[in-house]
């Protein structure tokens, strides 16, 4: 999967990049940047990138599938697992449902903490910057 973003800040090898929102024209640099900014992320890059450049980067498809599986499947399996733990312990239906939702919420807590403390490592390891281009202020659209 590839995406593009605008370099907002450069601190040594760390770039603060504002991603373009996914839309039919997000790949085009011809319109005013204020109309299509997205989230801001930090990336490592040793290339000569300057503030105002547009960079193209990609994440490997297999890495993307692992991340999607973690985010979507872990809560479901945790919910099912919580129910079956209660079943194995011979607990009442109400307690099994409470354990099930506890597993569900626990999975989201795990994902949140994992992202907070290890997410930057995944970004540095799995995302590769493919190129950059200088954007002239004269290329902006006039409406």
N, C-alpha and C. Protein backbone atom coordinates (compact mmCIF):
# COMPACT_ATOMS: atom_id res chain seq x y z
N UNK A 1 0.85 -1.17 0.00
CA UNK A 1 0.00 0.00 0.00
C UNK A 1 0.89 1.23 0.00
N UNK A 2 0.62 2.15 -0.86
CA UNK A 2 1.39 3.39 -0.91
C UNK A 2 0.50 4.56 -0.51
N UNK A 3 1.16 5.61 -0.02
CA UNK A 3 0.45 6.81 0.37
C UNK A 3 1.41 7.98 0.17
N UNK A 4 0.88 9.17 0.26
CA UNK A 4 1.69 10.38 0.10
C UNK A 4 1.41 11.31 1.27
N UNK A 5 2.39 12.16 1.55
CA UNK A 5 2.22 13.11 2.63
C UNK A 5 3.12 14.32 2.44
N UNK A 6 2.82 15.35 3.16
CA UNK A 6 3.55 16.61 3.10
C UNK A 6 4.46 16.70 4.31
N UNK A 7 5.75 16.97 4.08
CA UNK A 7 6.71 17.10 5.17
C UNK A 7 6.47 18.43 5.87
N UNK A 8 6.11 18.37 7.16
CA UNK A 8 5.82 19.57 7.94
C UNK A 8 7.01 20.03 8.76
N UNK A 9 7.88 19.07 9.14
CA UNK A 9 9.00 19.40 10.02
C UNK A 9 10.11 18.37 9.81
N UNK A 10 11.37 18.82 9.88
CA UNK A 10 12.52 17.92 9.78
C UNK A 10 13.42 18.17 10.98
N UNK A 11 13.64 17.11 11.78
CA UNK A 11 14.57 17.17 12.91
C UNK A 11 15.61 16.07 12.73
N UNK A 12 16.73 16.39 12.09
CA UNK A 12 17.73 15.38 11.81
C UNK A 12 17.19 14.37 10.81
N UNK A 13 17.08 13.10 11.24
CA UNK A 13 16.55 12.06 10.37
C UNK A 13 15.06 11.80 10.60
N UNK A 14 14.44 12.54 11.49
CA UNK A 14 13.02 12.34 11.80
C UNK A 14 12.19 13.37 11.05
N UNK A 15 11.24 12.86 10.27
CA UNK A 15 10.34 13.72 9.51
C UNK A 15 8.97 13.70 10.16
N UNK A 16 8.35 14.85 10.29
CA UNK A 16 6.94 14.93 10.71
C UNK A 16 6.16 15.14 9.42
N UNK A 17 5.34 14.14 9.07
CA UNK A 17 4.65 14.13 7.78
C UNK A 17 3.15 14.16 8.00
N UNK A 18 2.48 15.06 7.32
CA UNK A 18 1.02 15.11 7.34
C UNK A 18 0.53 14.37 6.11
N UNK A 19 -0.18 13.26 6.34
CA UNK A 19 -0.64 12.42 5.25
C UNK A 19 -1.78 13.08 4.50
N UNK A 20 -1.85 12.81 3.21
CA UNK A 20 -3.00 13.24 2.43
C UNK A 20 -4.13 12.27 2.70
N UNK A 21 -5.33 12.77 2.79
CA UNK A 21 -6.50 11.91 2.98
C UNK A 21 -6.69 11.05 1.74
N UNK A 22 -7.19 9.85 1.96
CA UNK A 22 -7.48 8.98 0.83
C UNK A 22 -8.70 9.51 0.10
N UNK A 23 -8.52 9.84 -1.14
CA UNK A 23 -9.63 10.27 -1.99
C UNK A 23 -9.19 10.10 -3.43
N UNK A 24 -10.06 10.37 -4.34
CA UNK A 24 -9.76 10.19 -5.75
C UNK A 24 -8.61 11.08 -6.21
N UNK A 25 -8.42 12.23 -5.56
CA UNK A 25 -7.38 13.14 -6.03
C UNK A 25 -6.24 13.28 -5.02
N UNK A 26 -6.11 12.37 -4.07
CA UNK A 26 -5.07 12.54 -3.05
C UNK A 26 -3.67 12.40 -3.63
N UNK A 27 -3.53 11.74 -4.77
CA UNK A 27 -2.21 11.58 -5.37
C UNK A 27 -1.75 12.84 -6.12
N UNK A 28 -2.63 13.76 -6.34
CA UNK A 28 -2.32 14.96 -7.11
C UNK A 28 -1.80 16.05 -6.18
N UNK A 29 -0.78 16.76 -6.61
CA UNK A 29 -0.23 17.85 -5.82
C UNK A 29 -0.73 19.20 -6.34
N UNK A 30 -1.75 19.20 -7.16
CA UNK A 30 -2.19 20.42 -7.80
C UNK A 30 -3.13 21.29 -7.01
N UNK A 31 -3.71 20.79 -5.93
CA UNK A 31 -4.70 21.58 -5.19
C UNK A 31 -4.12 22.11 -3.89
N UNK A 32 -4.80 23.06 -3.34
CA UNK A 32 -4.39 23.68 -2.09
C UNK A 32 -4.29 22.63 -0.98
N UNK A 33 -3.18 22.62 -0.27
CA UNK A 33 -2.91 21.62 0.76
C UNK A 33 -3.92 21.68 1.90
N UNK A 34 -4.51 22.82 2.16
CA UNK A 34 -5.43 22.97 3.28
C UNK A 34 -6.70 22.15 3.09
N UNK A 35 -7.03 21.79 1.85
CA UNK A 35 -8.27 21.09 1.59
C UNK A 35 -8.18 19.60 1.83
N UNK A 36 -6.97 19.01 1.91
CA UNK A 36 -6.90 17.58 2.00
C UNK A 36 -5.87 17.05 3.00
N UNK A 37 -5.60 17.72 4.11
CA UNK A 37 -4.63 17.16 5.05
C UNK A 37 -5.24 16.02 5.86
N UNK A 38 -4.38 15.11 6.32
CA UNK A 38 -4.83 14.00 7.14
C UNK A 38 -4.04 13.97 8.44
N UNK A 39 -3.82 12.78 8.96
CA UNK A 39 -3.12 12.60 10.23
C UNK A 39 -1.64 12.92 10.09
N UNK A 40 -0.99 13.20 11.22
CA UNK A 40 0.44 13.52 11.24
C UNK A 40 1.20 12.37 11.88
N UNK A 41 2.27 11.90 11.21
CA UNK A 41 3.10 10.80 11.70
C UNK A 41 4.56 11.18 11.60
N UNK A 42 5.39 10.51 12.38
CA UNK A 42 6.84 10.69 12.33
C UNK A 42 7.46 9.50 11.62
N UNK A 43 8.41 9.76 10.72
CA UNK A 43 9.15 8.74 10.00
C UNK A 43 10.64 9.04 10.09
N UNK A 44 11.45 8.00 9.95
CA UNK A 44 12.90 8.18 9.85
C UNK A 44 13.27 8.16 8.38
N UNK A 45 14.14 9.08 7.99
CA UNK A 45 14.58 9.15 6.60
C UNK A 45 15.94 9.83 6.56
N UNK A 46 16.89 9.19 5.88
CA UNK A 46 18.23 9.78 5.79
C UNK A 46 18.43 10.55 4.48
N UNK A 47 17.42 10.53 3.60
CA UNK A 47 17.51 11.27 2.34
C UNK A 47 17.40 12.77 2.60
N UNK A 48 17.78 13.56 1.62
CA UNK A 48 17.71 15.02 1.76
C UNK A 48 16.31 15.55 1.53
N UNK A 49 15.44 15.40 2.50
CA UNK A 49 14.06 15.86 2.40
C UNK A 49 13.94 17.16 3.18
N UNK A 50 13.21 18.10 2.61
CA UNK A 50 13.05 19.41 3.25
C UNK A 50 11.58 19.66 3.57
N UNK A 51 11.34 20.63 4.44
CA UNK A 51 9.98 21.03 4.78
C UNK A 51 9.29 21.51 3.51
N UNK A 52 8.06 21.04 3.31
CA UNK A 52 7.30 21.42 2.13
C UNK A 52 7.35 20.38 1.02
N UNK A 53 8.26 19.40 1.10
CA UNK A 53 8.34 18.35 0.10
C UNK A 53 7.17 17.39 0.27
N UNK A 54 6.77 16.77 -0.81
CA UNK A 54 5.78 15.70 -0.76
C UNK A 54 6.53 14.39 -0.90
N UNK A 55 6.30 13.46 0.04
CA UNK A 55 6.97 12.17 -0.02
C UNK A 55 5.96 11.08 -0.34
N UNK A 56 6.45 10.04 -0.98
CA UNK A 56 5.66 8.85 -1.25
C UNK A 56 6.28 7.72 -0.44
N UNK A 57 5.47 6.97 0.29
CA UNK A 57 5.99 5.88 1.10
C UNK A 57 5.06 4.69 0.98
N UNK A 58 5.57 3.53 1.36
CA UNK A 58 4.75 2.33 1.26
C UNK A 58 4.96 1.44 2.48
N UNK A 59 3.95 0.65 2.77
CA UNK A 59 4.04 -0.38 3.79
C UNK A 59 3.81 -1.70 3.06
N UNK A 60 4.64 -2.70 3.38
CA UNK A 60 4.53 -3.99 2.71
C UNK A 60 3.16 -4.60 2.99
N UNK A 61 2.60 -5.26 1.98
CA UNK A 61 1.25 -5.83 2.11
C UNK A 61 1.17 -6.87 3.23
N UNK A 62 2.20 -7.71 3.38
CA UNK A 62 2.13 -8.72 4.44
C UNK A 62 2.15 -8.07 5.82
N UNK A 63 2.86 -6.98 5.98
CA UNK A 63 2.87 -6.25 7.25
C UNK A 63 1.51 -5.63 7.52
N UNK A 64 0.90 -5.11 6.49
CA UNK A 64 -0.43 -4.51 6.63
C UNK A 64 -1.45 -5.57 7.05
N UNK A 65 -1.34 -6.77 6.48
CA UNK A 65 -2.27 -7.84 6.85
C UNK A 65 -2.08 -8.27 8.31
N UNK A 66 -0.84 -8.29 8.79
CA UNK A 66 -0.58 -8.63 10.19
C UNK A 66 -1.20 -7.60 11.12
N UNK A 67 -1.07 -6.33 10.77
CA UNK A 67 -1.62 -5.26 11.60
C UNK A 67 -3.14 -5.33 11.62
N UNK A 68 -3.74 -5.57 10.45
CA UNK A 68 -5.20 -5.68 10.36
C UNK A 68 -5.68 -6.87 11.19
N UNK A 69 -4.97 -7.99 11.11
CA UNK A 69 -5.36 -9.17 11.89
C UNK A 69 -5.28 -8.86 13.38
N UNK A 70 -4.23 -8.18 13.81
CA UNK A 70 -4.09 -7.82 15.22
C UNK A 70 -5.26 -6.95 15.68
N UNK A 71 -5.59 -5.96 14.89
CA UNK A 71 -6.61 -5.00 15.30
C UNK A 71 -8.02 -5.59 15.26
N UNK A 72 -8.33 -6.39 14.25
CA UNK A 72 -9.70 -6.87 14.10
C UNK A 72 -9.95 -8.25 14.71
N UNK A 73 -8.97 -9.14 14.67
CA UNK A 73 -9.21 -10.50 15.14
C UNK A 73 -8.94 -10.71 16.62
N UNK A 74 -7.97 -9.98 17.18
CA UNK A 74 -7.64 -10.16 18.59
C UNK A 74 -8.85 -9.90 19.50
N UNK A 75 -9.59 -8.82 19.33
CA UNK A 75 -10.76 -8.62 20.20
C UNK A 75 -11.82 -9.73 20.07
N UNK A 76 -12.04 -10.21 18.85
CA UNK A 76 -13.04 -11.25 18.65
C UNK A 76 -12.62 -12.54 19.34
N UNK A 77 -11.37 -12.95 19.12
CA UNK A 77 -10.88 -14.18 19.75
C UNK A 77 -10.81 -14.05 21.27
N UNK A 78 -10.49 -12.87 21.75
CA UNK A 78 -10.46 -12.65 23.20
C UNK A 78 -11.86 -12.74 23.80
N UNK A 79 -12.84 -12.24 23.07
CA UNK A 79 -14.22 -12.31 23.53
C UNK A 79 -14.68 -13.78 23.59
N UNK A 80 -14.41 -14.52 22.54
CA UNK A 80 -14.79 -15.94 22.51
C UNK A 80 -14.03 -16.71 23.58
N UNK A 81 -12.73 -16.40 23.73
CA UNK A 81 -11.93 -17.07 24.75
C UNK A 81 -12.44 -16.81 26.15
N UNK A 82 -12.87 -15.58 26.43
CA UNK A 82 -13.41 -15.25 27.74
C UNK A 82 -14.65 -16.05 28.06
N UNK A 83 -15.48 -16.25 27.04
CA UNK A 83 -16.70 -17.04 27.24
C UNK A 83 -16.35 -18.49 27.56
N UNK A 84 -15.42 -19.06 26.80
CA UNK A 84 -15.08 -20.47 27.01
C UNK A 84 -14.31 -20.71 28.31
N UNK A 85 -13.59 -19.72 28.79
CA UNK A 85 -12.95 -19.84 30.11
C UNK A 85 -14.04 -19.96 31.17
N UNK A 86 -15.06 -19.12 31.07
CA UNK A 86 -16.19 -19.21 31.99
C UNK A 86 -16.93 -20.53 31.87
N UNK A 87 -17.05 -21.03 30.66
CA UNK A 87 -17.70 -22.32 30.42
C UNK A 87 -16.91 -23.45 31.07
N UNK A 88 -15.58 -23.42 30.91
CA UNK A 88 -14.72 -24.45 31.50
C UNK A 88 -14.74 -24.41 33.02
N UNK A 89 -14.96 -23.25 33.58
CA UNK A 89 -15.00 -23.11 35.04
C UNK A 89 -16.40 -23.42 35.60
N UNK A 90 -17.37 -23.66 34.72
CA UNK A 90 -18.72 -23.98 35.16
C UNK A 90 -19.47 -22.81 35.75
N UNK A 91 -19.19 -21.62 35.28
CA UNK A 91 -19.83 -20.41 35.81
C UNK A 91 -21.19 -20.18 35.16
N UNK A 92 -21.97 -19.31 35.77
CA UNK A 92 -23.31 -19.00 35.23
C UNK A 92 -23.18 -18.23 33.92
N UNK A 93 -24.28 -18.19 33.19
CA UNK A 93 -24.30 -17.52 31.89
C UNK A 93 -23.96 -16.03 32.01
N UNK A 94 -24.45 -15.38 33.04
CA UNK A 94 -24.18 -13.95 33.24
C UNK A 94 -22.68 -13.73 33.44
N UNK A 95 -22.04 -14.55 34.23
CA UNK A 95 -20.61 -14.42 34.49
C UNK A 95 -19.82 -14.71 33.21
N UNK A 96 -20.26 -15.68 32.41
CA UNK A 96 -19.59 -15.99 31.15
C UNK A 96 -19.66 -14.79 30.19
N UNK A 97 -20.82 -14.14 30.16
CA UNK A 97 -20.97 -12.96 29.31
C UNK A 97 -20.07 -11.82 29.81
N UNK A 98 -20.00 -11.64 31.12
CA UNK A 98 -19.12 -10.61 31.70
C UNK A 98 -17.66 -10.93 31.36
N UNK A 99 -17.25 -12.19 31.49
CA UNK A 99 -15.87 -12.59 31.13
C UNK A 99 -15.62 -12.36 29.64
N UNK A 100 -16.63 -12.64 28.84
CA UNK A 100 -16.51 -12.44 27.40
C UNK A 100 -16.24 -10.98 27.06
N UNK A 101 -17.03 -10.08 27.64
CA UNK A 101 -16.81 -8.65 27.37
C UNK A 101 -15.54 -8.14 28.04
N UNK A 102 -15.15 -8.74 29.14
CA UNK A 102 -13.86 -8.37 29.76
C UNK A 102 -12.70 -8.73 28.83
N UNK A 103 -12.79 -9.90 28.19
CA UNK A 103 -11.77 -10.28 27.21
C UNK A 103 -11.74 -9.34 26.03
N UNK A 104 -12.92 -8.93 25.59
CA UNK A 104 -13.05 -8.00 24.47
C UNK A 104 -12.38 -6.66 24.80
N UNK A 105 -12.73 -6.10 25.96
CA UNK A 105 -12.15 -4.82 26.38
C UNK A 105 -10.67 -4.95 26.69
N UNK A 106 -10.27 -6.10 27.26
CA UNK A 106 -8.85 -6.34 27.54
C UNK A 106 -8.03 -6.37 26.26
N UNK A 107 -8.60 -6.91 25.20
CA UNK A 107 -7.90 -6.94 23.91
C UNK A 107 -7.68 -5.52 23.39
N UNK A 108 -8.68 -4.66 23.51
CA UNK A 108 -8.50 -3.28 23.07
C UNK A 108 -7.47 -2.56 23.92
N UNK A 109 -7.44 -2.83 25.20
CA UNK A 109 -6.42 -2.25 26.06
C UNK A 109 -5.03 -2.73 25.64
N UNK A 110 -4.90 -4.02 25.34
CA UNK A 110 -3.63 -4.57 24.86
C UNK A 110 -3.20 -3.89 23.57
N UNK A 111 -4.12 -3.75 22.61
CA UNK A 111 -3.79 -3.11 21.33
C UNK A 111 -3.36 -1.66 21.55
N UNK A 112 -4.07 -0.95 22.41
CA UNK A 112 -3.73 0.45 22.71
C UNK A 112 -2.33 0.55 23.31
N UNK A 113 -2.04 -0.27 24.31
CA UNK A 113 -0.72 -0.23 24.95
C UNK A 113 0.38 -0.68 23.99
N UNK A 114 0.10 -1.68 23.19
CA UNK A 114 1.08 -2.16 22.21
C UNK A 114 1.41 -1.05 21.21
N UNK A 115 0.38 -0.36 20.75
CA UNK A 115 0.59 0.74 19.81
C UNK A 115 1.37 1.87 20.45
N UNK A 116 1.05 2.20 21.69
CA UNK A 116 1.71 3.30 22.37
C UNK A 116 3.21 3.03 22.58
N UNK A 117 3.54 1.81 22.99
CA UNK A 117 4.92 1.52 23.36
C UNK A 117 5.74 0.82 22.29
N UNK A 118 5.10 0.19 21.29
CA UNK A 118 5.84 -0.52 20.26
C UNK A 118 5.48 -0.09 18.85
N UNK A 119 4.45 0.73 18.70
CA UNK A 119 3.98 1.12 17.37
C UNK A 119 5.03 1.84 16.55
N UNK A 120 5.84 2.69 17.19
CA UNK A 120 6.87 3.43 16.45
C UNK A 120 7.91 2.49 15.86
N UNK A 121 8.19 1.37 16.53
CA UNK A 121 9.14 0.41 15.99
C UNK A 121 8.61 -0.23 14.72
N UNK A 122 7.32 -0.52 14.70
CA UNK A 122 6.71 -1.11 13.50
C UNK A 122 6.78 -0.12 12.35
N UNK A 123 6.47 1.14 12.64
CA UNK A 123 6.52 2.17 11.60
C UNK A 123 7.93 2.27 11.03
N UNK A 124 8.94 2.32 11.89
CA UNK A 124 10.32 2.45 11.42
C UNK A 124 10.76 1.23 10.62
N UNK A 125 10.31 0.05 11.02
CA UNK A 125 10.75 -1.18 10.38
C UNK A 125 9.99 -1.49 9.10
N UNK A 126 8.70 -1.20 9.06
CA UNK A 126 7.85 -1.67 7.97
C UNK A 126 7.52 -0.64 6.90
N UNK A 127 7.73 0.63 7.18
CA UNK A 127 7.39 1.66 6.20
C UNK A 127 8.66 2.16 5.53
N UNK A 128 8.63 2.17 4.20
CA UNK A 128 9.79 2.57 3.42
C UNK A 128 9.40 3.78 2.57
N UNK A 129 10.23 4.81 2.62
CA UNK A 129 9.99 6.00 1.80
C UNK A 129 10.52 5.72 0.40
N UNK A 130 9.64 5.85 -0.59
CA UNK A 130 9.99 5.53 -1.97
C UNK A 130 10.58 6.72 -2.71
N UNK A 131 10.18 7.93 -2.36
CA UNK A 131 10.67 9.09 -3.08
C UNK A 131 10.07 10.37 -2.54
N UNK A 132 10.60 11.46 -3.03
CA UNK A 132 10.08 12.76 -2.63
C UNK A 132 10.13 13.70 -3.83
N UNK A 133 9.30 14.73 -3.76
CA UNK A 133 9.31 15.74 -4.81
C UNK A 133 9.12 17.11 -4.19
N UNK A 134 9.75 18.06 -4.79
CA UNK A 134 9.62 19.45 -4.35
C UNK A 134 8.33 20.01 -4.94
N UNK A 135 7.58 20.70 -4.11
CA UNK A 135 6.31 21.30 -4.56
C UNK A 135 6.47 22.81 -4.58
N UNK A 136 6.23 23.37 -5.72
CA UNK A 136 6.30 24.81 -5.89
C UNK A 136 4.98 25.44 -5.47
N UNK A 137 5.05 26.59 -4.83
CA UNK A 137 3.83 27.30 -4.44
C UNK A 137 3.03 27.73 -5.66
N UNK A 138 3.67 27.79 -6.84
CA UNK A 138 2.97 28.21 -8.04
C UNK A 138 2.05 27.13 -8.60
N UNK A 139 2.19 25.88 -8.09
CA UNK A 139 1.38 24.78 -8.60
C UNK A 139 0.04 24.67 -7.89
N UNK A 140 -0.23 25.54 -6.94
CA UNK A 140 -1.49 25.46 -6.20
C UNK A 140 -2.66 25.90 -7.06
N UNK A 141 -3.79 25.25 -6.86
CA UNK A 141 -5.00 25.59 -7.62
C UNK A 141 -5.55 26.94 -7.20
N UNK A 142 -6.18 27.59 -8.08
CA UNK A 142 -6.88 28.83 -7.79
C UNK A 142 -8.36 28.56 -8.00
N UNK A 143 -9.18 28.75 -6.96
CA UNK A 143 -10.62 28.50 -7.17
C UNK A 143 -11.39 29.78 -7.25
